[in-house]
N, C-alpha and C. Protein backbone atom coordinates (compact mmCIF):
# COMPACT_ATOMS: atom_id res chain seq x y z
N MET A 1 0.85 -1.18 0.00
CA MET A 1 0.00 0.00 0.00
C MET A 1 0.90 1.24 0.00
N PRO A 2 0.60 2.19 -0.87
CA PRO A 2 1.42 3.42 -0.90
C PRO A 2 1.22 4.22 0.38
N GLU A 3 2.20 5.07 0.66
CA GLU A 3 2.13 5.95 1.82
C GLU A 3 0.92 6.85 1.71
N GLN A 4 0.30 7.16 2.84
CA GLN A 4 -0.84 8.06 2.89
C GLN A 4 -0.45 9.42 3.47
N PHE A 5 0.86 9.67 3.49
CA PHE A 5 1.36 10.94 3.99
C PHE A 5 2.73 11.19 3.37
N ASN A 6 3.21 12.39 3.49
CA ASN A 6 4.47 12.79 2.87
C ASN A 6 5.59 12.67 3.90
N ILE A 7 6.45 11.67 3.75
CA ILE A 7 7.51 11.42 4.72
C ILE A 7 8.60 12.49 4.68
N ARG A 8 8.63 13.31 3.64
CA ARG A 8 9.66 14.35 3.51
C ARG A 8 9.17 15.73 3.93
N LEU A 9 7.95 15.81 4.44
CA LEU A 9 7.37 17.09 4.79
C LEU A 9 8.06 17.70 6.00
N THR A 10 8.44 18.97 5.88
CA THR A 10 9.05 19.68 6.99
C THR A 10 7.97 20.01 8.01
N THR A 11 8.18 19.67 9.26
CA THR A 11 7.20 19.92 10.31
C THR A 11 7.14 21.41 10.62
N TRP A 12 5.91 21.93 10.71
CA TRP A 12 5.71 23.33 11.09
C TRP A 12 5.93 23.47 12.58
N LYS A 13 6.47 24.59 12.98
CA LYS A 13 6.67 24.86 14.40
C LYS A 13 5.58 25.76 14.96
N ALA A 14 4.68 26.22 14.11
CA ALA A 14 3.60 27.10 14.53
C ALA A 14 2.40 26.83 13.65
N ASN A 15 1.32 27.56 13.86
CA ASN A 15 0.13 27.40 13.03
C ASN A 15 0.23 28.17 11.73
N GLU A 16 1.39 28.76 11.48
CA GLU A 16 1.63 29.49 10.24
C GLU A 16 2.48 28.62 9.31
N PRO A 17 2.16 28.58 8.02
CA PRO A 17 3.00 27.81 7.11
C PRO A 17 4.43 28.34 7.08
N SER A 18 5.35 27.45 6.95
CA SER A 18 6.75 27.85 6.85
C SER A 18 7.00 28.50 5.49
N PRO A 19 7.77 29.58 5.44
CA PRO A 19 8.10 30.17 4.13
C PRO A 19 9.14 29.32 3.40
N HIS A 20 9.68 28.32 4.09
CA HIS A 20 10.69 27.44 3.51
C HIS A 20 10.08 26.05 3.37
N ALA A 21 9.70 25.70 2.17
CA ALA A 21 8.97 24.46 1.94
C ALA A 21 9.86 23.24 1.89
N GLY A 22 10.96 23.25 2.59
CA GLY A 22 11.82 22.08 2.62
C GLY A 22 12.93 22.14 1.60
N LEU A 23 13.09 23.29 0.94
CA LEU A 23 14.15 23.48 -0.04
C LEU A 23 14.25 22.31 -1.01
N GLY A 24 13.14 21.99 -1.66
CA GLY A 24 13.12 20.93 -2.66
C GLY A 24 12.92 19.55 -2.09
N MET A 25 12.71 19.43 -0.78
CA MET A 25 12.52 18.11 -0.19
C MET A 25 11.16 17.52 -0.54
N VAL A 26 10.16 18.36 -0.75
CA VAL A 26 8.85 17.84 -1.09
C VAL A 26 8.84 17.37 -2.54
N GLU A 27 9.24 18.23 -3.44
CA GLU A 27 9.26 17.86 -4.85
C GLU A 27 9.99 18.93 -5.65
N ALA A 28 10.98 18.53 -6.39
CA ALA A 28 11.65 19.43 -7.32
C ALA A 28 10.85 19.41 -8.62
N PRO A 29 10.58 20.56 -9.22
CA PRO A 29 9.80 20.59 -10.45
C PRO A 29 10.38 19.65 -11.50
N GLY A 30 9.51 18.80 -12.02
CA GLY A 30 9.90 17.88 -13.06
C GLY A 30 10.62 16.64 -12.57
N GLU A 31 10.84 16.55 -11.29
CA GLU A 31 11.54 15.39 -10.72
C GLU A 31 10.75 14.81 -9.57
N GLY A 32 11.00 13.59 -9.29
CA GLY A 32 10.43 12.97 -8.10
C GLY A 32 9.01 12.50 -8.28
N LEU A 33 8.60 11.70 -7.34
CA LEU A 33 7.27 11.13 -7.32
C LEU A 33 6.26 12.17 -6.85
N ASN A 34 5.17 12.31 -7.57
CA ASN A 34 4.12 13.22 -7.16
C ASN A 34 3.26 12.51 -6.12
N LEU A 35 3.50 12.81 -4.84
CA LEU A 35 2.77 12.18 -3.76
C LEU A 35 1.34 12.70 -3.71
N ARG A 36 0.39 11.79 -3.51
CA ARG A 36 -1.00 12.20 -3.45
C ARG A 36 -1.26 13.08 -2.24
N TRP A 37 -0.66 12.77 -1.12
CA TRP A 37 -0.90 13.49 0.13
C TRP A 37 0.28 14.40 0.41
N GLN A 38 0.48 15.44 -0.40
CA GLN A 38 1.65 16.31 -0.31
C GLN A 38 1.83 16.97 1.05
N SER A 39 0.76 17.33 1.73
CA SER A 39 0.90 18.14 2.94
C SER A 39 0.67 17.37 4.23
N ARG A 40 0.52 16.07 4.17
CA ARG A 40 0.30 15.30 5.39
C ARG A 40 1.63 14.82 5.96
N GLU A 41 1.79 14.99 7.27
CA GLU A 41 2.99 14.46 7.93
C GLU A 41 2.71 13.10 8.56
N SER A 42 1.45 12.68 8.59
CA SER A 42 1.07 11.36 9.07
C SER A 42 -0.30 11.01 8.50
N GLU A 43 -0.65 9.73 8.60
CA GLU A 43 -1.99 9.34 8.16
C GLU A 43 -3.02 9.93 9.12
N PRO A 44 -4.21 10.28 8.59
CA PRO A 44 -5.23 10.82 9.48
C PRO A 44 -5.65 9.78 10.51
N THR A 45 -5.93 10.23 11.72
CA THR A 45 -6.40 9.34 12.78
C THR A 45 -7.89 9.08 12.61
N ASP A 46 -8.41 8.12 13.34
CA ASP A 46 -9.85 7.87 13.32
C ASP A 46 -10.62 9.12 13.76
N TYR A 47 -10.08 9.82 14.77
CA TYR A 47 -10.70 11.06 15.24
C TYR A 47 -10.74 12.09 14.11
N GLU A 48 -9.63 12.29 13.41
CA GLU A 48 -9.57 13.27 12.33
C GLU A 48 -10.52 12.90 11.19
N ASN A 49 -10.60 11.63 10.86
CA ASN A 49 -11.53 11.19 9.81
C ASN A 49 -12.98 11.41 10.22
N ALA A 50 -13.32 11.08 11.48
CA ALA A 50 -14.69 11.29 11.96
C ALA A 50 -15.04 12.77 11.99
N LEU A 51 -14.09 13.60 12.44
CA LEU A 51 -14.33 15.04 12.47
C LEU A 51 -14.52 15.59 11.06
N ALA A 52 -13.70 15.17 10.13
CA ALA A 52 -13.83 15.62 8.74
C ALA A 52 -15.17 15.20 8.15
N ASP A 53 -15.59 13.97 8.41
CA ASP A 53 -16.89 13.50 7.91
C ASP A 53 -18.03 14.33 8.49
N ALA A 54 -17.94 14.64 9.79
CA ALA A 54 -18.98 15.42 10.45
C ALA A 54 -19.01 16.85 9.93
N ILE A 55 -17.84 17.42 9.69
CA ILE A 55 -17.78 18.78 9.14
C ILE A 55 -18.36 18.81 7.74
N GLU A 56 -18.05 17.79 6.95
CA GLU A 56 -18.63 17.71 5.60
C GLU A 56 -20.15 17.59 5.69
N GLY A 57 -20.63 16.76 6.61
CA GLY A 57 -22.08 16.63 6.80
C GLY A 57 -22.72 17.94 7.22
N ALA A 58 -22.03 18.68 8.10
CA ALA A 58 -22.54 19.97 8.55
C ALA A 58 -22.63 20.94 7.37
N TYR A 59 -21.61 20.94 6.53
CA TYR A 59 -21.61 21.83 5.37
C TYR A 59 -22.78 21.48 4.43
N LEU A 60 -22.95 20.19 4.19
CA LEU A 60 -24.05 19.77 3.31
C LEU A 60 -25.41 20.11 3.91
N ALA A 61 -25.48 20.19 5.24
CA ALA A 61 -26.72 20.56 5.91
C ALA A 61 -26.92 22.07 5.99
N GLY A 62 -25.95 22.83 5.49
CA GLY A 62 -26.12 24.28 5.42
C GLY A 62 -25.26 25.09 6.36
N ALA A 63 -24.43 24.45 7.18
CA ALA A 63 -23.57 25.21 8.09
C ALA A 63 -22.58 26.04 7.30
N ARG A 64 -22.39 27.29 7.75
CA ARG A 64 -21.44 28.17 7.08
C ARG A 64 -20.57 28.94 8.07
N THR A 65 -21.01 29.07 9.30
CA THR A 65 -20.23 29.78 10.30
C THR A 65 -19.64 28.77 11.29
N ALA A 66 -18.62 29.19 12.02
CA ALA A 66 -18.00 28.31 13.01
C ALA A 66 -19.04 27.85 14.04
N GLN A 67 -19.93 28.75 14.44
CA GLN A 67 -20.96 28.37 15.43
C GLN A 67 -21.92 27.34 14.85
N GLN A 68 -22.31 27.51 13.59
CA GLN A 68 -23.20 26.53 12.97
C GLN A 68 -22.54 25.16 12.87
N PHE A 69 -21.25 25.15 12.55
CA PHE A 69 -20.53 23.88 12.51
C PHE A 69 -20.45 23.26 13.90
N ALA A 70 -20.15 24.07 14.92
CA ALA A 70 -20.07 23.58 16.29
C ALA A 70 -21.42 23.01 16.73
N ASP A 71 -22.50 23.71 16.42
CA ASP A 71 -23.84 23.24 16.78
C ASP A 71 -24.13 21.89 16.12
N HIS A 72 -23.74 21.74 14.86
CA HIS A 72 -23.96 20.49 14.13
C HIS A 72 -23.15 19.35 14.77
N LEU A 73 -21.89 19.63 15.10
CA LEU A 73 -21.04 18.61 15.72
C LEU A 73 -21.63 18.16 17.05
N ASN A 74 -22.12 19.10 17.84
CA ASN A 74 -22.75 18.76 19.12
C ASN A 74 -24.01 17.93 18.92
N ALA A 75 -24.86 18.33 17.97
CA ALA A 75 -26.10 17.60 17.71
C ALA A 75 -25.83 16.18 17.19
N ALA A 76 -24.72 16.04 16.44
CA ALA A 76 -24.37 14.73 15.88
C ALA A 76 -23.63 13.86 16.89
N GLY A 77 -23.30 14.43 18.05
CA GLY A 77 -22.61 13.66 19.08
C GLY A 77 -21.14 13.41 18.79
N VAL A 78 -20.54 14.29 18.00
CA VAL A 78 -19.11 14.16 17.68
C VAL A 78 -18.32 14.82 18.80
N ALA A 79 -17.56 14.02 19.53
CA ALA A 79 -16.81 14.54 20.67
C ALA A 79 -15.49 15.14 20.24
N SER A 80 -15.08 16.17 20.95
CA SER A 80 -13.74 16.72 20.76
C SER A 80 -12.74 15.80 21.46
N LEU A 81 -11.47 16.04 21.25
CA LEU A 81 -10.46 15.21 21.92
C LEU A 81 -10.58 15.30 23.43
N SER A 82 -11.00 16.46 23.94
CA SER A 82 -11.15 16.63 25.38
C SER A 82 -12.43 15.98 25.89
N GLY A 83 -13.33 15.62 24.98
CA GLY A 83 -14.61 15.04 25.38
C GLY A 83 -15.67 16.08 25.67
N ARG A 84 -15.32 17.35 25.57
CA ARG A 84 -16.26 18.44 25.81
C ARG A 84 -17.05 18.74 24.55
N GLY A 85 -18.13 19.49 24.74
CA GLY A 85 -18.90 19.94 23.60
C GLY A 85 -18.13 20.98 22.80
N TRP A 86 -18.60 21.21 21.59
CA TRP A 86 -17.95 22.16 20.70
C TRP A 86 -18.53 23.55 20.87
N SER A 87 -17.68 24.55 20.77
CA SER A 87 -18.07 25.95 20.64
C SER A 87 -17.37 26.45 19.39
N ALA A 88 -17.76 27.62 18.92
CA ALA A 88 -17.09 28.19 17.75
C ALA A 88 -15.60 28.34 18.03
N GLU A 89 -15.27 28.83 19.22
CA GLU A 89 -13.85 29.05 19.58
C GLU A 89 -13.08 27.74 19.64
N ALA A 90 -13.68 26.71 20.24
CA ALA A 90 -13.01 25.41 20.34
C ALA A 90 -12.78 24.80 18.96
N LEU A 91 -13.75 24.96 18.07
CA LEU A 91 -13.60 24.44 16.72
C LEU A 91 -12.49 25.18 15.97
N GLU A 92 -12.46 26.50 16.10
CA GLU A 92 -11.41 27.28 15.45
C GLU A 92 -10.03 26.90 15.98
N GLU A 93 -9.93 26.68 17.29
CA GLU A 93 -8.65 26.27 17.88
C GLU A 93 -8.23 24.89 17.37
N GLU A 94 -9.19 23.99 17.25
CA GLU A 94 -8.88 22.63 16.77
C GLU A 94 -8.45 22.67 15.29
N MET A 95 -9.10 23.50 14.51
CA MET A 95 -8.71 23.61 13.10
C MET A 95 -7.29 24.19 12.98
N ALA A 96 -6.96 25.15 13.83
CA ALA A 96 -5.61 25.70 13.83
C ALA A 96 -4.59 24.64 14.26
N ARG A 97 -4.95 23.85 15.28
CA ARG A 97 -4.04 22.80 15.75
C ARG A 97 -3.79 21.77 14.67
N LEU A 98 -4.85 21.44 13.94
CA LEU A 98 -4.73 20.45 12.87
C LEU A 98 -4.10 21.03 11.61
N GLY A 99 -3.97 22.34 11.56
CA GLY A 99 -3.31 22.98 10.42
C GLY A 99 -4.20 23.24 9.24
N TYR A 100 -5.52 23.38 9.47
CA TYR A 100 -6.44 23.63 8.36
C TYR A 100 -6.68 25.09 8.20
């Protein structure tokens, strides 16, 4: 099975993208394998997959603001890593932590 993440990805030290993309470590133009998951440093966890599915469901149900997404996650019973309910602020913090 091919890798589901980019093993050459430079780890970010903050929630801001690095201005240095690994100095050709990800891919030199015209050279190297074009990895499907260019920006992943690891495979998504079950938690990340469940959260992504719930966020997609919220969007399809009409959510557009952070609060609407948080309300949908709470109604769907999707727990945060802490086990607490979602708020707009908690969702924004989690998205920043995950790098979205």
